Amino acid sequence: MKRQTTWILIADASLAHVMASTGKEGDLAKVEDFKLDGTTLPGRDLAADRPGRSFDRAGEGRHGMEPRTNPREVEQERFAREIVGALDKADHRQRFDRLILVAPPTFMGLLRGILPPSLANKVSGELTKDLTKVAIHDLPDHLEIVLNP
């Protein structure tokens, strides 16, 4: 009988690791890494131009217009879509049977919002923590609750 392959996505808004587990205790293998380019820039430097100017409705005053979206949030959503796109391709190739999501609460919400239904059905566990900087050999201790429910 074939062992179930579980992929674990460990992500935050700028870094992600995909790990694989075949069911052996403490057995994790790195599958892929993702990194958001330009994450060291402050939000004000992500926008290339100064905001536009507008006239007041009444009077002759002018003022700067705020952008409708936060450039950092746009970059984080693009990064999340890149990760989900790669996971979706791997799902179509049947590279894993189950998926576990590990991310801080804000990024977890972003991921949940863009997961296609076929991929959302494979999610067997979630952990709302930032484990992106935890060493691979320490991950099984943190993931035990979602790997062995």
Protein backbone atom coordinates (compact mmCIF):
# COMPACT_ATOMS: atom_id res chain seq x y z
CA MET A 1 0.00 0.00 0.00
CA LYS A 2 1.32 3.43 -0.97
CA ARG A 3 2.04 5.82 1.89
CA GLN A 4 0.20 9.10 1.94
CA THR A 5 2.38 12.05 1.05
CA THR A 6 1.67 15.18 3.04
CA TRP A 7 3.01 18.53 1.94
CA ILE A 8 3.43 21.21 4.58
CA LEU A 9 3.45 24.85 3.49
CA ILE A 10 5.31 26.94 6.05
CA ALA A 11 4.94 30.58 5.03
CA ASP A 12 4.86 34.18 6.05
CA ALA A 13 4.37 37.30 3.95
CA SER A 14 7.87 37.14 2.41
CA LEU A 15 9.24 33.59 2.76
CA ALA A 16 7.80 30.11 2.25
CA HIS A 17 9.03 26.54 2.47
CA VAL A 18 7.23 23.48 1.19
CA MET A 19 8.13 20.34 3.10
CA ALA A 20 7.08 16.73 2.42
CA SER A 21 6.29 14.02 4.92
CA THR A 22 5.59 10.38 4.07
CA GLY A 23 4.34 9.44 7.50
CA LYS A 24 7.54 8.35 9.22
CA GLU A 25 7.96 10.16 12.50
CA GLY A 26 10.24 13.17 12.12
CA ASP A 27 10.73 12.52 8.39
CA LEU A 28 10.61 15.87 6.56
CA ALA A 29 12.17 16.68 3.21
CA LYS A 30 12.38 20.11 1.62
CA VAL A 31 10.49 20.30 -1.67
CA GLU A 32 10.69 23.97 -2.64
CA ASP A 33 11.43 27.46 -1.30
CA PHE A 34 9.82 30.76 -2.25
CA LYS A 35 11.04 34.26 -1.43
CA LEU A 36 9.37 37.58 -2.08
CA ASP A 37 11.79 39.89 -3.87
CA GLY A 38 12.24 43.39 -2.50
CA THR A 39 10.85 42.72 0.98
CA THR A 40 13.49 44.89 2.63
CA LEU A 41 12.03 48.04 1.07
CA PRO A 42 9.71 50.17 3.18
CA GLY A 43 6.17 50.47 1.84
CA ARG A 44 6.75 54.07 0.69
CA ASP A 45 9.57 52.87 -1.61
CA LEU A 46 7.45 50.19 -3.29
CA ALA A 47 5.39 52.85 -5.05
CA ALA A 48 7.42 54.34 -7.89
CA ASP A 49 5.72 57.71 -8.21
CA ARG A 50 4.47 60.40 -5.92
CA PRO A 51 0.74 60.29 -5.30
CA GLY A 52 -1.42 62.33 -7.66
CA ARG A 53 -2.84 65.72 -6.74
CA SER A 54 -6.48 66.71 -6.64
CA PHE A 55 -8.51 69.89 -6.31
CA ASP A 56 -10.95 70.34 -3.44
CA ARG A 57 -14.63 70.18 -4.36
CA ALA A 58 -15.20 73.61 -2.90
CA GLY A 59 -12.50 76.23 -3.06
CA GLU A 60 -9.13 76.38 -4.67
CA GLY A 61 -7.14 74.06 -2.41
CA ARG A 62 -5.15 71.10 -3.70
CA HIS A 63 -4.02 68.03 -1.83
CA GLY A 64 -2.15 64.77 -2.40
CA MET A 65 -4.26 61.68 -3.01
CA GLU A 66 -3.60 58.51 -1.04
CA PRO A 67 -3.19 55.32 -3.08
CA ARG A 68 -6.26 53.08 -3.00
CA THR A 69 -4.17 50.06 -2.03
CA ASN A 70 -1.16 49.56 0.17
CA PRO A 71 1.79 48.58 -2.09
CA ARG A 72 3.10 46.10 0.51
CA GLU A 73 -0.27 44.33 0.68
CA VAL A 74 -0.37 44.09 -3.12
CA GLU A 75 3.10 42.48 -3.12
CA GLN A 76 2.09 40.04 -0.36
CA GLU A 77 -1.01 38.99 -2.28
CA ARG A 78 1.07 38.48 -5.44
CA PHE A 79 3.46 36.33 -3.41
CA ALA A 80 0.58 34.29 -1.97
CA ARG A 81 -0.82 33.74 -5.48
CA GLU A 82 2.60 32.56 -6.69
CA ILE A 83 2.76 29.99 -3.87
CA VAL A 84 -0.81 28.78 -4.41
CA GLY A 85 -0.19 28.53 -8.17
CA ALA A 86 2.82 26.28 -7.59
CA LEU A 87 0.85 24.12 -5.13
CA ASP A 88 -2.04 23.85 -7.59
CA LYS A 89 0.31 22.65 -10.36
CA ALA A 90 1.79 20.06 -8.00
CA ASP A 91 -1.73 18.96 -7.03
CA HIS A 92 -2.65 18.43 -10.69
CA ARG A 93 0.47 16.25 -11.03
CA GLN A 94 -0.69 14.31 -7.94
CA ARG A 95 2.54 14.95 -6.06
CA PHE A 96 0.82 15.00 -2.66
CA ASP A 97 -2.29 13.59 -1.00
CA ARG A 98 -2.75 16.03 1.89
CA LEU A 99 -1.77 19.65 2.52
CA ILE A 100 -1.07 21.36 5.82
CA LEU A 101 -0.89 25.16 6.02
CA VAL A 102 1.34 26.89 8.58
CA ALA A 103 1.35 30.69 8.55
CA PRO A 104 0.78 33.72 10.79
CA PRO A 105 -2.92 34.65 11.11
CA THR A 106 -2.95 37.50 8.56
CA PHE A 107 -1.13 35.55 5.85
CA MET A 108 -3.20 32.43 6.64
CA GLY A 109 -6.35 34.43 5.89
CA LEU A 110 -4.86 35.61 2.61
CA LEU A 111 -3.97 32.03 1.62
CA ARG A 112 -7.43 30.70 2.54
CA GLY A 113 -9.04 33.40 0.42
CA ILE A 114 -7.21 32.43 -2.78
CA LEU A 115 -7.03 28.62 -2.51
CA PRO A 116 -8.96 26.98 -5.36
CA PRO A 117 -11.61 24.49 -4.18
CA SER A 118 -9.62 21.46 -5.39
CA LEU A 119 -6.66 22.51 -3.25
CA ALA A 120 -8.80 23.60 -0.29
CA ASN A 121 -10.25 20.07 -0.18
CA LYS A 122 -6.74 18.67 0.33
CA VAL A 123 -6.07 20.84 3.40
CA SER A 124 -6.09 18.49 6.38
CA GLY A 125 -4.68 20.83 8.99
CA GLU A 126 -3.73 24.41 9.77
CA LEU A 127 -1.40 25.97 12.30
CA THR A 128 -1.43 29.76 12.76
CA LYS A 129 2.21 30.30 13.69
CA ASP A 130 5.26 31.73 11.98
CA LEU A 131 7.70 28.81 11.68
CA THR A 132 9.64 30.07 8.66
CA LYS A 133 12.80 30.63 10.68
CA VAL A 134 12.68 27.34 12.62
CA ALA A 135 15.41 24.83 11.69
CA ILE A 136 14.23 21.76 9.72
CA HIS A 137 15.29 19.33 12.44
CA ASP A 138 13.13 21.23 14.99
CA LEU A 139 9.99 21.37 12.83
CA PRO A 140 8.55 17.92 13.73
CA ASP A 141 8.11 19.04 17.36
CA HIS A 142 6.12 22.10 16.24
CA LEU A 143 4.11 20.21 13.60
CA GLU A 144 3.19 17.15 15.65
CA ILE A 145 -0.28 18.49 16.45
CA VAL A 146 -1.21 18.83 12.75
CA LEU A 147 0.76 15.88 11.34
CA ASN A 148 -0.73 13.36 13.78
CA PRO A 149 -4.24 14.60 14.64
